[in-house]
């Protein structure tokens, strides 16, 4: 598994986002209305239930705009909260206003992902299933969103196309079948985790046989768009020999029933592509 070092990704995102928002002229509204030497105190409040994630982004946006701004987190990340203050910042009022929207956008987005993940994780409590993310992430924000999934109580699938072999339907078709694809993948990169997508129980049987024949250890079978009855049959067929992952048609309404079939993992793109931004607001007051 690739380590989620988000430092560079966050710095790059902040640089692009601030350039997009401030342009060459900066915050012309604040320049026109806020005295240059006015100091302010800002409080960011959470206005909807959810899990806060990515608070370091807020601090680094503030510091990127003005290193003199001070920052104080008021909550712990990863804890479900109904509402209330999240953080405080003090410094030049113009600087805080210039950083406001970029910081809120990033933290709101990451908190939304963490919140959606927590809802899925809560829905499978009491089962063996672990909630996984996918590659259906916002371009340029993948590592950050995957970190937010961890904050929300989920786990990470592969980071990209480079750190795990995931044989999907098209790969298997090009290779001549599930068994052939698994053998070819293991022959080329035996050092990598290997996951194979199966469309039906016949392919599950082939995958199980091939894994046993090759003695695969870092191997998983992905049950793609199977109904619950076939998932239960696949669990019985595997009998604990190979971890099983369910994917396709996964929603908050269905994930509990999917988990009850006995699968080990459930992956859903909804954690990232359908997560609403958590509603946050910033109130700025002059500091005497």
C-alpha atoms as a PDB file:
ATOM      1  CA  UNK A   1       0.000   0.000   0.000  1.00  0.00           C
ATOM      2  CA  UNK A   2       1.270   3.443  -0.941  1.00  0.00           C
ATOM      3  CA  UNK A   3       1.688   5.835   1.989  1.00  0.00           C
ATOM      4  CA  UNK A   4      -0.684   8.797   1.850  1.00  0.00           C
ATOM      5  CA  UNK A   5       1.783  11.676   1.996  1.00  0.00           C
ATOM      6  CA  UNK A   6      -0.515  14.571   1.143  1.00  0.00           C
ATOM      7  CA  UNK A   7       1.933  17.431   1.755  1.00  0.00           C
ATOM      8  CA  UNK A   8       2.870  18.069  -1.863  1.00  0.00           C
ATOM      9  CA  UNK A   9      -0.662  17.462  -3.126  1.00  0.00           C
ATOM     10  CA  UNK A  10      -2.079  19.977  -0.666  1.00  0.00           C
ATOM     11  CA  UNK A  11       0.560  22.604  -1.386  1.00  0.00           C
ATOM     12  CA  UNK A  12       0.000  22.259  -5.143  1.00  0.00           C
ATOM     13  CA  UNK A  13      -3.769  22.491  -4.736  1.00  0.00           C
ATOM     14  CA  UNK A  14      -3.537  25.587  -2.544  1.00  0.00           C
ATOM     15  CA  UNK A  15      -1.182  27.312  -4.970  1.00  0.00           C
ATOM     16  CA  UNK A  16      -3.519  26.693  -7.918  1.00  0.00           C
ATOM     17  CA  UNK A  17      -6.671  27.559  -5.993  1.00  0.00           C
ATOM     18  CA  UNK A  18      -5.329  30.846  -4.649  1.00  0.00           C
ATOM     19  CA  UNK A  19      -4.041  31.845  -8.075  1.00  0.00           C
ATOM     20  CA  UNK A  20      -7.470  31.082  -9.502  1.00  0.00           C
ATOM     21  CA  UNK A  21      -9.248  33.145  -6.847  1.00  0.00           C
ATOM     22  CA  UNK A  22      -6.897  36.091  -6.368  1.00  0.00           C
ATOM     23  CA  UNK A  23      -5.563  36.540  -9.883  1.00  0.00           C
ATOM     24  CA  UNK A  24      -3.016  39.324 -10.292  1.00  0.00           C
ATOM     25  CA  UNK A  25      -4.975  42.016  -8.442  1.00  0.00           C
ATOM     26  CA  UNK A  26      -5.860  40.200  -5.216  1.00  0.00           C
ATOM     27  CA  UNK A  27      -9.077  40.733  -3.247  1.00  0.00           C
ATOM     28  CA  UNK A  28     -10.153  44.089  -4.669  1.00  0.00           C
ATOM     29  CA  UNK A  29     -13.305  44.195  -2.525  1.00  0.00           C
ATOM     30  CA  UNK A  30     -11.330  43.901   0.716  1.00  0.00           C
ATOM     31  CA  UNK A  31      -8.795  46.402  -0.568  1.00  0.00           C
ATOM     32  CA  UNK A  32     -11.617  48.873  -1.176  1.00  0.00           C
ATOM     33  CA  UNK A  33     -13.557  48.377   2.052  1.00  0.00           C
ATOM     34  CA  UNK A  34     -11.229  47.077   4.780  1.00  0.00           C
ATOM     35  CA  UNK A  35      -8.538  49.331   6.294  1.00  0.00           C
ATOM     36  CA  UNK A  36      -5.085  47.968   5.536  1.00  0.00           C
ATOM     37  CA  UNK A  37      -3.984  47.848   9.167  1.00  0.00           C
ATOM     38  CA  UNK A  38      -7.241  46.432  10.595  1.00  0.00           C
ATOM     39  CA  UNK A  39      -6.793  43.213  12.577  1.00  0.00           C
ATOM     40  CA  UNK A  40      -9.583  40.652  12.743  1.00  0.00           C
ATOM     41  CA  UNK A  41     -10.641  37.476  14.508  1.00  0.00           C
ATOM     42  CA  UNK A  42     -12.394  34.834  12.450  1.00  0.00           C
ATOM     43  CA  UNK A  43     -14.462  31.900  13.640  1.00  0.00           C
ATOM     44  CA  UNK A  44     -15.357  29.051  11.301  1.00  0.00           C
ATOM     45  CA  UNK A  45     -18.577  27.275  12.220  1.00  0.00           C
ATOM     46  CA  UNK A  46     -19.986  23.947  11.148  1.00  0.00           C
ATOM     47  CA  UNK A  47     -23.624  24.461  10.127  1.00  0.00           C
ATOM     48  CA  UNK A  48     -24.663  20.872   9.370  1.00  0.00           C
ATOM     49  CA  UNK A  49     -24.058  17.471  10.997  1.00  0.00           C
ATOM     50  CA  UNK A  50     -20.925  15.676   9.873  1.00  0.00           C
ATOM     51  CA  UNK A  51     -17.261  14.810  10.307  1.00  0.00           C
ATOM     52  CA  UNK A  52     -14.591  17.477  10.005  1.00  0.00           C
ATOM     53  CA  UNK A  53     -11.528  16.600   7.904  1.00  0.00           C
ATOM     54  CA  UNK A  54      -8.633  18.495   6.378  1.00  0.00           C
ATOM     55  CA  UNK A  55      -8.199  21.251   8.944  1.00  0.00           C
ATOM     56  CA  UNK A  56      -4.510  21.483   8.079  1.00  0.00           C
ATOM     57  CA  UNK A  57      -5.621  22.817   4.698  1.00  0.00           C
ATOM     58  CA  UNK A  58      -7.242  25.801   6.376  1.00  0.00           C
ATOM     59  CA  UNK A  59      -4.080  26.645   8.263  1.00  0.00           C
ATOM     60  CA  UNK A  60      -1.899  26.289   5.181  1.00  0.00           C
ATOM     61  CA  UNK A  61      -4.165  28.454   3.043  1.00  0.00           C
ATOM     62  CA  UNK A  62      -4.018  31.171   5.701  1.00  0.00           C
ATOM     63  CA  UNK A  63      -0.242  30.904   5.944  1.00  0.00           C
ATOM     64  CA  UNK A  64       0.134  30.923   2.161  1.00  0.00           C
ATOM     65  CA  UNK A  65      -1.744  34.222   2.023  1.00  0.00           C
ATOM     66  CA  UNK A  66      -0.110  35.750   5.101  1.00  0.00           C
ATOM     67  CA  UNK A  67       2.338  33.982   7.442  1.00  0.00           C
ATOM     68  CA  UNK A  68       1.422  36.369  10.272  1.00  0.00           C
ATOM     69  CA  UNK A  69      -2.105  34.971  10.614  1.00  0.00           C
ATOM     70  CA  UNK A  70      -2.469  32.724  13.673  1.00  0.00           C
ATOM     71  CA  UNK A  71      -4.670  29.642  13.683  1.00  0.00           C
ATOM     72  CA  UNK A  72      -6.330  27.574  16.413  1.00  0.00           C
ATOM     73  CA  UNK A  73      -8.290  24.362  15.765  1.00  0.00           C
ATOM     74  CA  UNK A  74     -11.253  23.976  18.107  1.00  0.00           C
ATOM     75  CA  UNK A  75     -12.310  20.402  17.251  1.00  0.00           C
ATOM     76  CA  UNK A  76     -10.771  16.996  16.674  1.00  0.00           C
ATOM     77  CA  UNK A  77     -10.934  15.599  13.163  1.00  0.00           C
ATOM     78  CA  UNK A  78     -12.862  12.375  12.607  1.00  0.00           C
ATOM     79  CA  UNK A  79     -15.479  13.011  15.299  1.00  0.00           C
ATOM     80  CA  UNK A  80     -19.158  13.287  14.356  1.00  0.00           C
ATOM     81  CA  UNK A  81     -20.539  16.676  15.387  1.00  0.00           C
ATOM     82  CA  UNK A  82     -23.926  18.276  14.879  1.00  0.00           C
ATOM     83  CA  UNK A  83     -22.679  21.852  14.516  1.00  0.00           C
ATOM     84  CA  UNK A  84     -20.617  24.514  16.272  1.00  0.00           C
ATOM     85  CA  UNK A  85     -17.253  26.284  16.074  1.00  0.00           C
ATOM     86  CA  UNK A  86     -14.476  24.478  14.218  1.00  0.00           C
ATOM     87  CA  UNK A  87     -11.499  26.821  14.298  1.00  0.00           C
ATOM     88  CA  UNK A  88     -10.402  30.372  15.002  1.00  0.00           C
ATOM     89  CA  UNK A  89      -7.885  32.609  13.268  1.00  0.00           C
ATOM     90  CA  UNK A  90      -6.464  36.047  14.006  1.00  0.00           C
ATOM     91  CA  UNK A  91      -4.495  38.456  11.882  1.00  0.00           C
ATOM     92  CA  UNK A  92      -4.854  41.128   9.203  1.00  0.00           C
ATOM     93  CA  UNK A  93      -8.515  41.229   8.204  1.00  0.00           C
ATOM     94  CA  UNK A  94      -7.690  41.588   4.520  1.00  0.00           C
ATOM     95  CA  UNK A  95      -5.553  38.454   4.612  1.00  0.00           C
ATOM     96  CA  UNK A  96      -8.252  36.384   6.291  1.00  0.00           C
ATOM     97  CA  UNK A  97     -10.813  37.502   3.716  1.00  0.00           C
ATOM     98  CA  UNK A  98      -8.446  36.678   0.862  1.00  0.00           C
ATOM     99  CA  UNK A  99      -7.988  33.142   2.187  1.00  0.00           C
ATOM    100  CA  UNK A 100     -11.598  32.527   3.238  1.00  0.00           C
ATOM    101  CA  UNK A 101     -13.230  30.963   0.186  1.00  0.00           C
ATOM    102  CA  UNK A 102     -10.290  28.813  -0.888  1.00  0.00           C
ATOM    103  CA  UNK A 103      -9.904  27.431   2.637  1.00  0.00           C
ATOM    104  CA  UNK A 104     -13.630  26.803   3.097  1.00  0.00           C
ATOM    105  CA  UNK A 105     -13.878  25.095  -0.290  1.00  0.00           C
ATOM    106  CA  UNK A 106     -11.107  22.623   0.487  1.00  0.00           C
ATOM    107  CA  UNK A 107     -12.107  21.845   4.071  1.00  0.00           C
ATOM    108  CA  UNK A 108     -15.800  21.663   3.167  1.00  0.00           C
ATOM    109  CA  UNK A 109     -15.052  19.235   0.355  1.00  0.00           C
ATOM    110  CA  UNK A 110     -12.849  16.966   2.464  1.00  0.00           C
ATOM    111  CA  UNK A 111     -15.285  17.075   5.385  1.00  0.00           C
ATOM    112  CA  UNK A 112     -18.062  16.091   2.993  1.00  0.00           C
ATOM    113  CA  UNK A 113     -16.095  13.023   1.907  1.00  0.00           C
ATOM    114  CA  UNK A 114     -15.379  12.088   5.531  1.00  0.00           C
ATOM    115  CA  UNK A 115     -19.047  12.547   6.406  1.00  0.00           C
ATOM    116  CA  UNK A 116     -20.272  10.371   3.529  1.00  0.00           C
ATOM    117  CA  UNK A 117     -17.739   7.699   4.459  1.00  0.00           C
ATOM    118  CA  UNK A 118     -18.894   7.721   8.086  1.00  0.00           C
ATOM    119  CA  UNK A 119     -22.499   7.207   6.966  1.00  0.00           C
ATOM    120  CA  UNK A 120     -21.460   4.148   4.950  1.00  0.00           C
ATOM    121  CA  UNK A 121     -19.253   2.804   7.745  1.00  0.00           C
ATOM    122  CA  UNK A 122     -22.071   3.209  10.261  1.00  0.00           C
ATOM    123  CA  UNK A 123     -24.456   1.386   7.916  1.00  0.00           C
ATOM    124  CA  UNK A 124     -22.297  -1.778   7.975  1.00  0.00           C
ATOM    125  CA  UNK A 125     -21.542  -1.833  11.697  1.00  0.00           C
ATOM    126  CA  UNK A 126     -21.880  -5.309  13.153  1.00  0.00           C
ATOM    127  CA  UNK A 127     -20.687  -6.993   9.947  1.00  0.00           C
ATOM    128  CA  UNK A 128     -17.209  -7.901   8.729  1.00  0.00           C
ATOM    129  CA  UNK A 129     -17.393  -5.532   5.769  1.00  0.00           C
ATOM    130  CA  UNK A 130     -14.861  -2.722   5.355  1.00  0.00           C
ATOM    131  CA  UNK A 131     -15.841   0.298   3.263  1.00  0.00           C
ATOM    132  CA  UNK A 132     -13.394   1.106   0.442  1.00  0.00           C
ATOM    133  CA  UNK A 133     -13.038   4.121  -1.816  1.00  0.00           C
ATOM    134  CA  UNK A 134     -12.293   4.062  -5.574  1.00  0.00           C
ATOM    135  CA  UNK A 135     -10.429   6.139  -8.176  1.00  0.00           C
ATOM    136  CA  UNK A 136     -13.573   8.192  -8.837  1.00  0.00           C
ATOM    137  CA  UNK A 137     -12.041  11.252  -7.223  1.00  0.00           C
ATOM    138  CA  UNK A 138     -11.748  14.952  -8.003  1.00  0.00           C
ATOM    139  CA  UNK A 139      -8.763  15.504 -10.334  1.00  0.00           C
ATOM    140  CA  UNK A 140      -5.853  16.886  -8.343  1.00  0.00           C
ATOM    141  CA  UNK A 141      -7.450  15.965  -5.006  1.00  0.00           C
ATOM    142  CA  UNK A 142      -7.169  12.173  -4.962  1.00  0.00           C
ATOM    143  CA  UNK A 143      -4.692  11.809  -2.106  1.00  0.00           C
ATOM    144  CA  UNK A 144      -6.528  14.400  -0.040  1.00  0.00           C
ATOM    145  CA  UNK A 145      -9.912  12.772  -0.626  1.00  0.00           C
ATOM    146  CA  UNK A 146      -8.514   9.342   0.160  1.00  0.00           C
ATOM    147  CA  UNK A 147      -7.114  10.726   3.408  1.00  0.00           C
ATOM    148  CA  UNK A 148     -10.599  12.077   4.172  1.00  0.00           C
ATOM    149  CA  UNK A 149     -11.998   8.578   3.602  1.00  0.00           C
ATOM    150  CA  UNK A 150      -9.628   7.310   6.297  1.00  0.00           C
ATOM    151  CA  UNK A 151     -10.746  10.130   8.604  1.00  0.00           C
ATOM    152  CA  UNK A 152     -14.358   9.100   8.047  1.00  0.00           C
ATOM    153  CA  UNK A 153     -13.729   5.482   8.996  1.00  0.00           C
ATOM    154  CA  UNK A 154     -13.217   3.842   5.609  1.00  0.00           C
ATOM    155  CA  UNK A 155     -10.162   2.301   3.982  1.00  0.00           C
ATOM    156  CA  UNK A 156      -8.298   2.988   0.768  1.00  0.00           C
ATOM    157  CA  UNK A 157      -8.445   0.913  -2.389  1.00  0.00           C
ATOM    158  CA  UNK A 158      -5.553   1.404  -4.818  1.00  0.00           C
ATOM    159  CA  UNK A 159      -4.215   4.939  -5.138  1.00  0.00           C
ATOM    160  CA  UNK A 160      -3.815   4.785  -8.911  1.00  0.00           C
ATOM    161  CA  UNK A 161      -3.033   2.476 -11.791  1.00  0.00           C
ATOM    162  CA  UNK A 162       0.491   1.884 -10.490  1.00  0.00           C
ATOM    163  CA  UNK A 163       0.209   0.326  -7.027  1.00  0.00           C
ATOM    164  CA  UNK A 164      -2.197  -2.579  -7.530  1.00  0.00           C
ATOM    165  CA  UNK A 165      -3.285  -4.791 -10.413  1.00  0.00           C
ATOM    166  CA  UNK A 166      -7.066  -4.651 -10.770  1.00  0.00           C
ATOM    167  CA  UNK A 167      -8.260  -6.856 -13.623  1.00  0.00           C
ATOM    168  CA  UNK A 168     -11.606  -5.580 -14.862  1.00  0.00           C
ATOM    169  CA  UNK A 169     -13.993  -7.008 -17.437  1.00  0.00           C
ATOM    170  CA  UNK A 170     -12.226  -5.382 -20.398  1.00  0.00           C
ATOM    171  CA  UNK A 171      -8.800  -6.591 -19.269  1.00  0.00           C
ATOM    172  CA  UNK A 172     -10.076 -10.160 -18.896  1.00  0.00           C
ATOM    173  CA  UNK A 173     -11.705 -10.033 -22.324  1.00  0.00           C
ATOM    174  CA  UNK A 174      -8.454  -8.890 -23.929  1.00  0.00           C
ATOM    175  CA  UNK A 175      -6.441 -11.565 -22.090  1.00  0.00           C
ATOM    176  CA  UNK A 176      -8.732 -14.437 -23.033  1.00  0.00           C
ATOM    177  CA  UNK A 177     -10.567 -14.829 -19.742  1.00  0.00           C
ATOM    178  CA  UNK A 178     -10.331 -14.354 -15.995  1.00  0.00           C
ATOM    179  CA  UNK A 179      -7.909 -17.205 -15.403  1.00  0.00           C
ATOM    180  CA  UNK A 180      -5.585 -16.157 -18.200  1.00  0.00           C
ATOM    181  CA  UNK A 181      -5.591 -12.549 -17.005  1.00  0.00           C
ATOM    182  CA  UNK A 182      -4.748 -13.531 -13.423  1.00  0.00           C
ATOM    183  CA  UNK A 183      -1.878 -15.748 -14.570  1.00  0.00           C
ATOM    184  CA  UNK A 184      -0.461 -13.048 -16.846  1.00  0.00           C
ATOM    185  CA  UNK A 185      -0.704 -10.375 -14.158  1.00  0.00           C
ATOM    186  CA  UNK A 186       0.972 -12.527 -11.529  1.00  0.00           C
ATOM    187  CA  UNK A 187       3.734 -13.484 -13.956  1.00  0.00           C
ATOM    188  CA  UNK A 188       4.535  -9.844 -14.726  1.00  0.00           C
ATOM    189  CA  UNK A 189       4.192  -8.295 -11.239  1.00  0.00           C
ATOM    190  CA  UNK A 190       4.097 -10.910  -8.484  1.00  0.00           C
ATOM    191  CA  UNK A 191       5.101  -8.158  -6.040  1.00  0.00           C
ATOM    192  CA  UNK A 192       1.814  -6.258  -6.377  1.00  0.00           C
ATOM    193  CA  UNK A 193      -1.588  -6.914  -4.798  1.00  0.00           C
ATOM    194  CA  UNK A 194      -3.902  -8.522  -7.346  1.00  0.00           C
ATOM    195  CA  UNK A 195      -7.665  -8.062  -7.603  1.00  0.00           C
ATOM    196  CA  UNK A 196      -9.832  -9.627 -10.289  1.00  0.00           C
ATOM    197  CA  UNK A 197     -13.352  -8.540 -11.158  1.00  0.00           C
ATOM    198  CA  UNK A 198     -15.860 -11.361 -11.676  1.00  0.00           C
ATOM    199  CA  UNK A 199     -19.209 -10.928 -13.395  1.00  0.00           C
ATOM    200  CA  UNK A 200     -20.779 -14.236 -12.328  1.00  0.00           C
ATOM    201  CA  UNK A 201     -20.250 -17.322 -10.201  1.00  0.00           C
ATOM    202  CA  UNK A 202     -18.561 -19.194 -13.045  1.00  0.00           C
ATOM    203  CA  UNK A 203     -15.824 -16.560 -13.106  1.00  0.00           C
ATOM    204  CA  UNK A 204     -15.588 -16.694  -9.309  1.00  0.00           C
ATOM    205  CA  UNK A 205     -14.955 -20.444  -9.550  1.00  0.00           C
ATOM    206  CA  UNK A 206     -12.226 -19.871 -12.152  1.00  0.00           C
ATOM    207  CA  UNK A 207     -10.621 -17.129 -10.050  1.00  0.00           C
ATOM    208  CA  UNK A 208     -10.617 -19.288  -6.917  1.00  0.00           C
ATOM    209  CA  UNK A 209      -9.069 -22.211  -8.780  1.00  0.00           C
ATOM    210  CA  UNK A 210      -6.410 -20.009 -10.379  1.00  0.00           C
ATOM    211  CA  UNK A 211      -5.519 -18.365  -7.066  1.00  0.00           C
ATOM    212  CA  UNK A 212      -5.127 -21.758  -5.428  1.00  0.00           C
ATOM    213  CA  UNK A 213      -3.078 -23.115  -8.312  1.00  0.00           C
ATOM    214  CA  UNK A 214      -0.689 -20.144  -8.178  1.00  0.00           C
ATOM    215  CA  UNK A 215      -0.612 -19.964  -4.380  1.00  0.00           C
ATOM    216  CA  UNK A 216      -1.629 -16.306  -4.421  1.00  0.00           C
ATOM    217  CA  UNK A 217      -1.604 -14.557  -1.050  1.00  0.00           C
ATOM    218  CA  UNK A 218      -2.259 -10.872  -1.819  1.00  0.00           C
ATOM    219  CA  UNK A 219      -5.329 -11.663  -3.889  1.00  0.00           C
ATOM    220  CA  UNK A 220      -8.963 -10.551  -3.800  1.00  0.00           C
ATOM    221  CA  UNK A 221     -12.038 -11.252  -5.910  1.00  0.00           C
ATOM    222  CA  UNK A 222     -14.317  -8.344  -6.768  1.00  0.00           C
ATOM    223  CA  UNK A 223     -17.976  -9.295  -7.227  1.00  0.00           C
ATOM    224  CA  UNK A 224     -19.224  -6.855  -9.845  1.00  0.00           C
ATOM    225  CA  UNK A 225     -22.931  -5.982  -9.831  1.00  0.00           C
ATOM    226  CA  UNK A 226     -23.978  -9.357  -8.448  1.00  0.00           C
ATOM    227  CA  UNK A 227     -27.290  -9.775  -6.704  1.00  0.00           C
ATOM    228  CA  UNK A 228     -27.310 -10.584  -3.017  1.00  0.00           C
ATOM    229  CA  UNK A 229     -28.092 -14.259  -3.532  1.00  0.00           C
ATOM    230  CA  UNK A 230     -25.054 -14.732  -5.758  1.00  0.00           C
ATOM    231  CA  UNK A 231     -22.891 -12.790  -3.305  1.00  0.00           C
ATOM    232  CA  UNK A 232     -23.881 -15.232  -0.562  1.00  0.00           C
ATOM    233  CA  UNK A 233     -23.067 -18.156  -2.856  1.00  0.00           C
ATOM    234  CA  UNK A 234     -19.677 -16.624  -3.653  1.00  0.00           C
ATOM    235  CA  UNK A 235     -18.967 -16.266   0.072  1.00  0.00           C
ATOM    236  CA  UNK A 236     -19.781 -19.947   0.542  1.00  0.00           C
ATOM    237  CA  UNK A 237     -17.610 -20.915  -2.445  1.00  0.00           C
ATOM    238  CA  UNK A 238     -14.643 -18.949  -1.134  1.00  0.00           C
ATOM    239  CA  UNK A 239     -15.128 -20.246   2.409  1.00  0.00           C
ATOM    240  CA  UNK A 240     -12.610 -17.747   3.732  1.00  0.00           C
ATOM    241  CA  UNK A 241      -9.842 -18.733   1.308  1.00  0.00           C
ATOM    242  CA  UNK A 242      -9.916 -15.465  -0.659  1.00  0.00           C
ATOM    243  CA  UNK A 243     -11.257 -12.078   0.489  1.00  0.00           C
ATOM    244  CA  UNK A 244     -14.311 -10.923  -1.446  1.00  0.00           C
ATOM    245  CA  UNK A 245     -15.180  -7.361  -2.416  1.00  0.00           C
ATOM    246  CA  UNK A 246     -18.621  -6.224  -3.573  1.00  0.00           C
ATOM    247  CA  UNK A 247     -18.959  -3.345  -5.999  1.00  0.00           C
ATOM    248  CA  UNK A 248     -21.672  -1.884  -8.184  1.00  0.00           C
ATOM    249  CA  UNK A 249     -25.137  -0.655  -7.216  1.00  0.00           C
ATOM    250  CA  UNK A 250     -23.833   0.324  -3.789  1.00  0.00           C
ATOM    251  CA  UNK A 251     -25.730   3.078  -1.990  1.00  0.00           C
ATOM    252  CA  UNK A 252     -26.612   3.987   1.566  1.00  0.00           C
ATOM    253  CA  UNK A 253     -29.915   2.205   0.995  1.00  0.00           C
ATOM    254  CA  UNK A 254     -28.262  -1.060  -0.116  1.00  0.00           C
ATOM    255  CA  UNK A 255     -24.892  -1.220   1.622  1.00  0.00           C
ATOM    256  CA  UNK A 256     -26.225  -2.787   4.825  1.00  0.00           C
ATOM    257  CA  UNK A 257     -27.844  -5.675   2.955  1.00  0.00           C
ATOM    258  CA  UNK A 258     -24.708  -6.147   0.859  1.00  0.00           C
ATOM    259  CA  UNK A 259     -22.599  -6.342   4.022  1.00  0.00           C
ATOM    260  CA  UNK A 260     -24.987  -8.934   5.453  1.00  0.00           C
ATOM    261  CA  UNK A 261     -24.061 -11.345   2.642  1.00  0.00           C
ATOM    262  CA  UNK A 262     -20.697 -11.856   4.337  1.00  0.00           C
ATOM    263  CA  UNK A 263     -18.374 -10.086   1.904  1.00  0.00           C
ATOM    264  CA  UNK A 264     -15.148  -8.684   3.326  1.00  0.00           C
ATOM    265  CA  UNK A 265     -15.059  -5.358   1.486  1.00  0.00           C
ATOM    266  CA  UNK A 266     -17.527  -3.023  -0.202  1.00  0.00           C
ATOM    267  CA  UNK A 267     -16.218  -0.364  -2.576  1.00  0.00           C
ATOM    268  CA  UNK A 268     -18.211   2.675  -3.626  1.00  0.00           C
ATOM    269  CA  UNK A 269     -17.379   5.663  -5.789  1.00  0.00           C
ATOM    270  CA  UNK A 270     -20.118   7.561  -3.980  1.00  0.00           C
ATOM    271  CA  UNK A 271     -17.764   8.250  -1.067  1.00  0.00           C
ATOM    272  CA  UNK A 272     -16.009  10.788  -3.266  1.00  0.00           C
ATOM    273  CA  UNK A 273     -18.075  11.511  -6.366  1.00  0.00           C
ATOM    274  CA  UNK A 274     -21.402  11.995  -4.570  1.00  0.00           C
ATOM    275  CA  UNK A 275     -20.352  13.516  -1.248  1.00  0.00           C
ATOM    276  CA  UNK A 276     -22.033  16.890  -0.609  1.00  0.00           C
ATOM    277  CA  UNK A 277     -19.787  19.658   0.657  1.00  0.00           C
ATOM    278  CA  UNK A 278     -20.179  20.067   4.421  1.00  0.00           C
ATOM    279  CA  UNK A 279     -21.678  23.489   5.123  1.00  0.00           C
ATOM    280  CA  UNK A 280     -19.152  25.744   6.861  1.00  0.00           C
ATOM    281  CA  UNK A 281     -19.186  29.501   7.358  1.00  0.00           C
ATOM    282  CA  UNK A 282     -16.653  32.085   8.488  1.00  0.00           C
ATOM    283  CA  UNK A 283     -17.559  35.099  10.606  1.00  0.00           C
ATOM    284  CA  UNK A 284     -14.957  37.860  10.828  1.00  0.00           C
ATOM    285  CA  UNK A 285     -14.985  40.493  13.552  1.00  0.00           C
ATOM    286  CA  UNK A 286     -12.633  43.453  14.032  1.00  0.00           C
ATOM    287  CA  UNK A 287     -10.119  42.911  16.804  1.00  0.00           C
ATOM    288  CA  UNK A 288      -9.467  45.858  19.068  1.00  0.00           C
END
